[in-house]
């Protein structure tokens, strides 16, 4: 890629995050970070090899000069919305730093092959960036993902993913996943890395069925995972997006009628057909609906901060005896 083209690409992908960085309160410090990751297909990610190096960006907002707890926010190909800005402002007001990562459109060198799970690489790369930041408490960093990125956030909590892509020195203090796709069953997905996980899901979601997530939460809980599901009656997909038509103007793809399992490493099988799964399989529907639900949106804006603050508080409590003994 020529230098001039590279500079133009950097400017284009930085534009929405520079706008976010500009919307800073007087006491808030704002930074934009460009960092390295790897673009992978889901199959490459599950196999633990392949992919191409890429650069992505993140907008960091710091409420305090030091010792900030922080949240990494991932979003899917629908792009950045004002509702995400609402989450940033809500968390910042509670003293939590936010790192909004442009994980899809923000590819510098390559976008080809990016899938939902591939953002797991970005999540762990962002964790390393924040863990080395002097104003961040590396022991109080959480991860949040929405819809496609919600699936990446959820399965970032797998022990398998942590061992493949994480740094042993850094850990997520908590993980929150908004209305993820749980219809895929991965090898050893019930074995979790240790961070508490919360799934926020609408009871009437016909894009990503809540029944699949209930099944996953039950399996992971039975295996000792610290995972819970918060279900919102009457709520559909993307229930916290007040204007979902800005993101989706057509019916969304849904795997709710599919039973898909990872047979061997990186190979996903459609159990109905006995063949490799493909998005054009008959079980895939194209009638998924996004809809705002005021009651659910209000409730989750209470429940998510409470979950994060509890997780961050537990980390601080665990650190006190060690600090006192020095």
Protein backbone atom coordinates (compact mmCIF):
# COMPACT_ATOMS: atom_id res chain seq x y z
CA UNK A 1 0.00 0.00 0.00
CA UNK A 2 1.42 3.43 -0.97
CA UNK A 3 2.10 5.93 1.82
CA UNK A 4 -0.52 8.40 0.55
CA UNK A 5 -3.20 5.68 0.37
CA UNK A 6 -2.27 4.46 3.84
CA UNK A 7 -2.61 7.99 5.26
CA UNK A 8 -6.02 8.43 3.63
CA UNK A 9 -7.18 5.09 5.02
CA UNK A 10 -6.00 6.03 8.51
CA UNK A 11 -7.88 9.34 8.32
CA UNK A 12 -11.11 7.68 7.13
CA UNK A 13 -11.10 5.06 9.87
CA UNK A 14 -10.16 7.62 12.52
CA UNK A 15 -12.95 10.04 11.59
CA UNK A 16 -15.78 8.64 13.78
CA UNK A 17 -13.43 8.06 16.69
CA UNK A 18 -11.96 11.55 16.41
CA UNK A 19 -15.53 12.85 16.64
CA UNK A 20 -16.04 10.73 19.73
CA UNK A 21 -12.77 11.97 21.20
CA UNK A 22 -13.82 15.57 20.60
CA UNK A 23 -16.97 15.16 22.66
CA UNK A 24 -15.12 15.32 25.95
CA UNK A 25 -16.10 17.00 29.19
CA UNK A 26 -13.70 19.57 30.58
CA UNK A 27 -12.28 17.17 33.18
CA UNK A 28 -12.00 14.26 30.73
CA UNK A 29 -8.76 13.24 28.99
CA UNK A 30 -9.19 11.82 25.49
CA UNK A 31 -6.68 9.80 23.47
CA UNK A 32 -6.72 7.90 20.17
CA UNK A 33 -4.57 4.77 19.93
CA UNK A 34 -3.55 2.87 16.82
CA UNK A 35 -2.52 -0.69 17.62
CA UNK A 36 -1.76 -4.01 15.97
CA UNK A 37 -3.98 -7.06 15.66
CA UNK A 38 -4.52 -9.92 13.19
CA UNK A 39 -7.40 -10.22 10.72
CA UNK A 40 -8.62 -13.83 10.70
CA UNK A 41 -11.55 -15.87 9.49
CA UNK A 42 -13.47 -17.73 12.17
CA UNK A 43 -11.90 -20.99 10.98
CA UNK A 44 -8.40 -19.56 11.29
CA UNK A 45 -9.19 -18.22 14.74
CA UNK A 46 -10.53 -21.57 15.95
CA UNK A 47 -7.48 -23.37 14.56
CA UNK A 48 -5.12 -20.86 16.14
CA UNK A 49 -3.14 -20.07 12.99
CA UNK A 50 -3.25 -17.97 9.85
CA UNK A 51 -4.51 -14.47 9.21
CA UNK A 52 -2.85 -11.21 8.25
CA UNK A 53 -1.50 -8.37 10.34
CA UNK A 54 -3.68 -5.28 10.57
CA UNK A 55 -3.88 -1.99 12.40
CA UNK A 56 -7.01 -0.78 14.18
CA UNK A 57 -7.84 2.23 16.31
CA UNK A 58 -9.51 2.92 19.61
CA UNK A 59 -10.78 6.08 21.31
CA UNK A 60 -9.90 6.19 25.01
CA UNK A 61 -11.64 8.51 27.48
CA UNK A 62 -10.16 8.84 30.96
CA UNK A 63 -12.27 10.30 33.80
CA UNK A 64 -9.32 10.46 36.24
CA UNK A 65 -5.56 11.03 36.07
CA UNK A 66 -4.72 7.54 37.36
CA UNK A 67 -6.05 4.19 38.56
CA UNK A 68 -9.04 4.19 36.21
CA UNK A 69 -11.11 1.04 35.84
CA UNK A 70 -11.83 0.64 32.14
CA UNK A 71 -14.19 -0.96 29.64
CA UNK A 72 -13.33 -2.04 26.10
CA UNK A 73 -16.35 -1.60 23.81
CA UNK A 74 -16.62 -3.62 20.60
CA UNK A 75 -19.31 -3.11 18.00
CA UNK A 76 -20.22 -4.94 14.82
CA UNK A 77 -20.34 -4.02 11.12
CA UNK A 78 -23.49 -1.95 11.71
CA UNK A 79 -21.10 0.77 12.80
CA UNK A 80 -20.89 3.39 15.50
CA UNK A 81 -24.23 4.77 16.74
CA UNK A 82 -25.27 7.54 19.11
CA UNK A 83 -26.50 4.86 21.50
CA UNK A 84 -22.91 3.71 21.89
CA UNK A 85 -21.99 7.27 22.74
CA UNK A 86 -24.69 7.14 25.42
CA UNK A 87 -22.97 4.10 26.93
CA UNK A 88 -19.62 5.90 26.87
CA UNK A 89 -21.07 8.92 28.68
CA UNK A 90 -22.92 6.79 31.24
CA UNK A 91 -19.79 4.79 32.12
CA UNK A 92 -17.53 7.85 32.18
CA UNK A 93 -19.88 9.59 34.63
CA UNK A 94 -19.45 6.59 36.94
CA UNK A 95 -15.67 6.99 36.82
CA UNK A 96 -15.04 4.18 34.33
CA UNK A 97 -12.71 4.80 31.39
CA UNK A 98 -13.94 3.68 27.98
CA UNK A 99 -11.95 2.36 25.02
CA UNK A 100 -14.16 2.32 21.91
CA UNK A 101 -12.50 0.03 19.38
CA UNK A 102 -13.18 0.35 15.65
CA UNK A 103 -12.92 -3.36 15.01
CA UNK A 104 -14.48 -3.90 11.58
CA UNK A 105 -14.46 -0.89 9.27
CA UNK A 106 -11.23 0.19 10.92
CA UNK A 107 -9.02 -2.39 9.22
CA UNK A 108 -5.96 -0.67 7.72
CA UNK A 109 -4.48 -3.42 5.56
CA UNK A 110 -7.19 -6.02 5.25
CA UNK A 111 -10.86 -6.59 5.92
CA UNK A 112 -11.25 -9.77 3.87
CA UNK A 113 -12.24 -12.77 5.92
CA UNK A 114 -13.31 -10.91 9.08
CA UNK A 115 -16.08 -12.75 10.88
CA UNK A 116 -17.81 -12.47 14.24
CA UNK A 117 -15.35 -14.48 16.32
CA UNK A 118 -12.33 -12.81 14.72
CA UNK A 119 -12.90 -9.77 16.93
CA UNK A 120 -11.62 -11.92 19.81
CA UNK A 121 -8.11 -11.11 18.57
CA UNK A 122 -8.95 -7.41 18.76
CA UNK A 123 -10.37 -7.78 22.26
CA UNK A 124 -7.15 -9.31 23.59
CA UNK A 125 -5.01 -6.80 21.68
CA UNK A 126 -7.00 -3.95 23.24
CA UNK A 127 -6.63 -5.55 26.68
CA UNK A 128 -2.85 -5.50 26.27
CA UNK A 129 -2.91 -1.83 25.20
CA UNK A 130 -4.93 -0.76 28.23
CA UNK A 131 -2.99 -2.97 30.65
CA UNK A 132 0.20 -1.09 29.74
CA UNK A 133 -1.43 2.35 30.04
CA UNK A 134 -0.17 4.30 33.09
CA UNK A 135 -3.61 5.76 33.87
CA UNK A 136 -5.44 2.39 33.83
CA UNK A 137 -5.73 -0.17 36.63
CA UNK A 138 -4.79 -3.28 34.65
CA UNK A 139 -6.68 -5.49 37.11
CA UNK A 140 -9.98 -3.70 36.44
CA UNK A 141 -10.52 -3.92 32.70
CA UNK A 142 -13.81 -5.26 31.34
CA UNK A 143 -15.04 -6.14 27.85
CA UNK A 144 -18.43 -5.33 26.30
CA UNK A 145 -19.66 -6.41 22.85
CA UNK A 146 -22.89 -5.71 20.97
CA UNK A 147 -24.68 -8.11 18.55
CA UNK A 148 -21.95 -9.57 16.24
CA UNK A 149 -19.31 -8.23 18.59
CA UNK A 150 -21.42 -9.60 21.46
CA UNK A 151 -20.62 -13.08 20.22
CA UNK A 152 -16.92 -12.21 20.14
CA UNK A 153 -17.10 -10.78 23.66
CA UNK A 154 -18.95 -13.82 24.99
CA UNK A 155 -16.49 -16.35 23.62
CA UNK A 156 -13.49 -14.24 24.61
CA UNK A 157 -14.34 -15.66 28.02
CA UNK A 158 -13.45 -19.19 26.87
CA UNK A 159 -10.30 -20.67 28.40
CA UNK A 160 -9.36 -21.87 24.92
CA UNK A 161 -9.39 -18.31 23.52
CA UNK A 162 -7.47 -16.93 26.47
CA UNK A 163 -4.74 -19.53 26.01
CA UNK A 164 -4.54 -18.92 22.26
CA UNK A 165 -4.62 -15.13 22.15
CA UNK A 166 -4.26 -13.70 25.64
CA UNK A 167 -1.20 -12.65 27.58
CA UNK A 168 -0.81 -14.52 30.88
CA UNK A 169 -0.09 -11.20 32.60
CA UNK A 170 -3.46 -9.66 31.69
CA UNK A 171 -7.02 -10.77 32.39
CA UNK A 172 -10.50 -9.39 31.89
CA UNK A 173 -12.16 -8.47 35.17
CA UNK A 174 -15.62 -8.92 33.62
CA UNK A 175 -17.28 -9.56 30.26
CA UNK A 176 -20.71 -8.36 29.10
CA UNK A 177 -22.36 -9.59 25.92
CA UNK A 178 -25.41 -7.95 24.35
CA UNK A 179 -27.83 -10.20 22.43
CA UNK A 180 -25.14 -12.55 21.02
CA UNK A 181 -25.50 -15.48 18.64
CA UNK A 182 -25.22 -18.64 20.76
CA UNK A 183 -26.33 -21.10 18.08
CA UNK A 184 -22.77 -22.29 17.46
CA UNK A 185 -21.35 -24.85 19.89
CA UNK A 186 -17.57 -24.75 19.95
CA UNK A 187 -15.20 -27.34 21.32
CA UNK A 188 -14.58 -26.77 25.04
CA UNK A 189 -16.73 -23.62 24.99
CA UNK A 190 -18.10 -24.46 28.45
CA UNK A 191 -14.58 -24.18 29.91
CA UNK A 192 -14.26 -20.53 30.90
CA UNK A 193 -11.15 -18.50 31.70
CA UNK A 194 -12.46 -17.18 35.01
CA UNK A 195 -13.89 -13.71 34.40
CA UNK A 196 -17.54 -13.23 35.42
CA UNK A 197 -19.75 -13.02 32.32
CA UNK A 198 -23.19 -11.47 31.91
CA UNK A 199 -25.39 -11.95 28.84
CA UNK A 200 -28.12 -9.36 28.18
CA UNK A 201 -30.83 -10.69 25.89
CA UNK A 202 -34.39 -10.00 24.79
CA UNK A 203 -36.98 -12.74 25.29
CA UNK A 204 -38.43 -12.10 21.81
CA UNK A 205 -35.16 -11.77 19.91
CA UNK A 206 -35.70 -13.53 16.57
CA UNK A 207 -32.23 -12.69 15.22
CA UNK A 208 -30.25 -14.48 17.92
CA UNK A 209 -32.53 -16.80 19.88
CA UNK A 210 -32.39 -16.48 23.65
CA UNK A 211 -32.99 -20.25 24.00
CA UNK A 212 -29.54 -20.94 22.53
CA UNK A 213 -27.92 -18.58 25.02
CA UNK A 214 -29.83 -20.15 27.91
CA UNK A 215 -28.46 -23.52 26.83
CA UNK A 216 -24.91 -22.18 26.69
CA UNK A 217 -25.17 -20.44 30.06
CA UNK A 218 -26.46 -23.66 31.64
CA UNK A 219 -23.62 -25.72 30.17
CA UNK A 220 -20.94 -23.22 31.16
CA UNK A 221 -22.41 -22.79 34.66
CA UNK A 222 -22.49 -26.56 35.17
CA UNK A 223 -18.79 -26.64 34.28
CA UNK A 224 -18.03 -24.03 36.97
CA UNK A 225 -18.21 -20.85 34.91
CA UNK A 226 -19.29 -17.56 36.51
CA UNK A 227 -21.91 -16.70 33.93
CA UNK A 228 -25.49 -15.40 34.10
CA UNK A 229 -28.15 -14.38 31.63
CA UNK A 230 -30.39 -11.34 32.08
CA UNK A 231 -33.60 -11.77 30.04
CA UNK A 232 -35.92 -8.87 29.22
CA UNK A 233 -39.60 -9.73 28.58
CA UNK A 234 -40.98 -8.48 25.29
CA UNK A 235 -37.59 -7.21 24.11
CA UNK A 236 -36.32 -7.93 20.61
CA UNK A 237 -32.86 -7.70 19.06
CA UNK A 238 -30.84 -4.53 19.70
CA UNK A 239 -33.38 -3.43 22.29
CA UNK A 240 -31.16 -0.59 23.55
CA UNK A 241 -30.81 1.06 20.12
CA UNK A 242 -33.41 3.81 20.04
CA UNK A 243 -33.17 4.20 16.27
CA UNK A 244 -32.23 0.74 14.94
CA UNK A 245 -33.27 1.68 11.41
CA UNK A 246 -30.12 3.78 11.23
CA UNK A 247 -28.15 0.56 11.46
CA UNK A 248 -30.44 -1.98 9.78
CA UNK A 249 -32.79 -1.16 6.95
CA UNK A 250 -33.55 -4.76 6.00
CA UNK A 251 -34.37 -8.11 7.61
CA UNK A 252 -31.37 -9.61 9.35
CA UNK A 253 -29.87 -13.06 8.95
CA UNK A 254 -30.77 -15.50 11.74
CA UNK A 255 -29.36 -18.91 12.67
CA UNK A 256 -32.03 -19.56 15.31
CA UNK A 257 -33.24 -22.77 13.58
CA UNK A 258 -29.74 -24.15 13.04
CA UNK A 259 -27.85 -26.66 15.19
CA UNK A 260 -24.17 -26.09 14.51
CA UNK A 261 -21.25 -27.79 16.25
CA UNK A 262 -17.49 -27.66 15.86
CA UNK A 263 -16.71 -31.26 14.89
CA UNK A 264 -12.94 -30.92 14.54
CA UNK A 265 -10.89 -27.82 15.21
CA UNK A 266 -12.25 -25.00 13.07
CA UNK A 267 -14.82 -27.07 11.15
CA UNK A 268 -18.45 -26.20 11.88
CA UNK A 269 -21.02 -28.89 11.03
CA UNK A 270 -24.74 -28.52 10.43
CA UNK A 271 -26.12 -31.37 12.51
CA UNK A 272 -29.32 -31.53 10.46
CA UNK A 273 -27.55 -32.13 7.15
CA UNK A 274 -24.40 -33.79 8.49
CA UNK A 275 -22.35 -31.47 6.29
CA UNK A 276 -20.22 -28.40 6.86
CA UNK A 277 -22.34 -25.42 7.81
CA UNK A 278 -22.75 -22.63 5.27
CA UNK A 279 -24.83 -19.44 5.54
CA UNK A 280 -26.94 -20.55 2.57
CA UNK A 281 -28.19 -23.63 4.47
CA UNK A 282 -31.99 -24.00 4.68
CA UNK A 283 -31.99 -23.44 8.44
CA UNK A 284 -30.78 -19.85 7.98
CA UNK A 285 -33.66 -17.36 7.97
CA UNK A 286 -33.72 -13.78 6.72
CA UNK A 287 -36.51 -12.30 8.78
CA UNK A 288 -34.66 -11.09 11.85
CA UNK A 289 -35.96 -7.82 13.34
CA UNK A 290 -34.25 -5.07 15.33
CA UNK A 291 -36.49 -3.07 17.66
CA UNK A 292 -36.05 -0.63 20.53
CA UNK A 293 -37.66 -1.50 23.86
CA UNK A 294 -37.74 1.36 26.36
CA UNK A 295 -38.27 -0.79 29.48
CA UNK A 296 -35.37 -3.09 28.61
CA UNK A 297 -33.12 -0.19 27.63
CA UNK A 298 -33.73 1.56 30.94
CA UNK A 299 -33.25 -1.63 32.94
CA UNK A 300 -29.98 -2.61 31.29
CA UNK A 301 -28.51 0.84 31.91
CA UNK A 302 -28.93 0.10 35.61
CA UNK A 303 -27.93 -3.54 35.52
CA UNK A 304 -24.76 -3.32 33.42
CA UNK A 305 -23.02 -0.62 35.54
CA UNK A 306 -23.97 -2.52 38.70
CA UNK A 307 -22.43 -5.72 37.26
CA UNK A 308 -19.21 -3.90 36.33
CA UNK A 309 -18.90 -2.12 39.65
CA UNK A 310 -19.43 -5.37 41.54
CA UNK A 311 -16.73 -7.09 39.47
CA UNK A 312 -14.30 -4.18 39.89
CA UNK A 313 -15.03 -4.07 43.62
CA UNK A 314 -14.30 -7.78 43.98
CA UNK A 315 -10.91 -7.25 42.34
CA UNK A 316 -10.06 -4.44 44.75
CA UNK A 317 -11.16 -6.53 47.74
CA UNK A 318 -8.96 -9.41 46.60
CA UNK A 319 -5.97 -7.08 46.28
CA UNK A 320 -6.21 -5.54 49.76
CA UNK A 321 -4.69 -8.38 51.85
CA UNK A 322 -1.65 -8.53 49.58
CA UNK A 323 -1.19 -4.76 49.76
CA UNK A 324 -1.58 -4.75 53.53
CA UNK A 325 1.04 -7.46 54.01
CA UNK A 326 3.82 -5.48 52.31
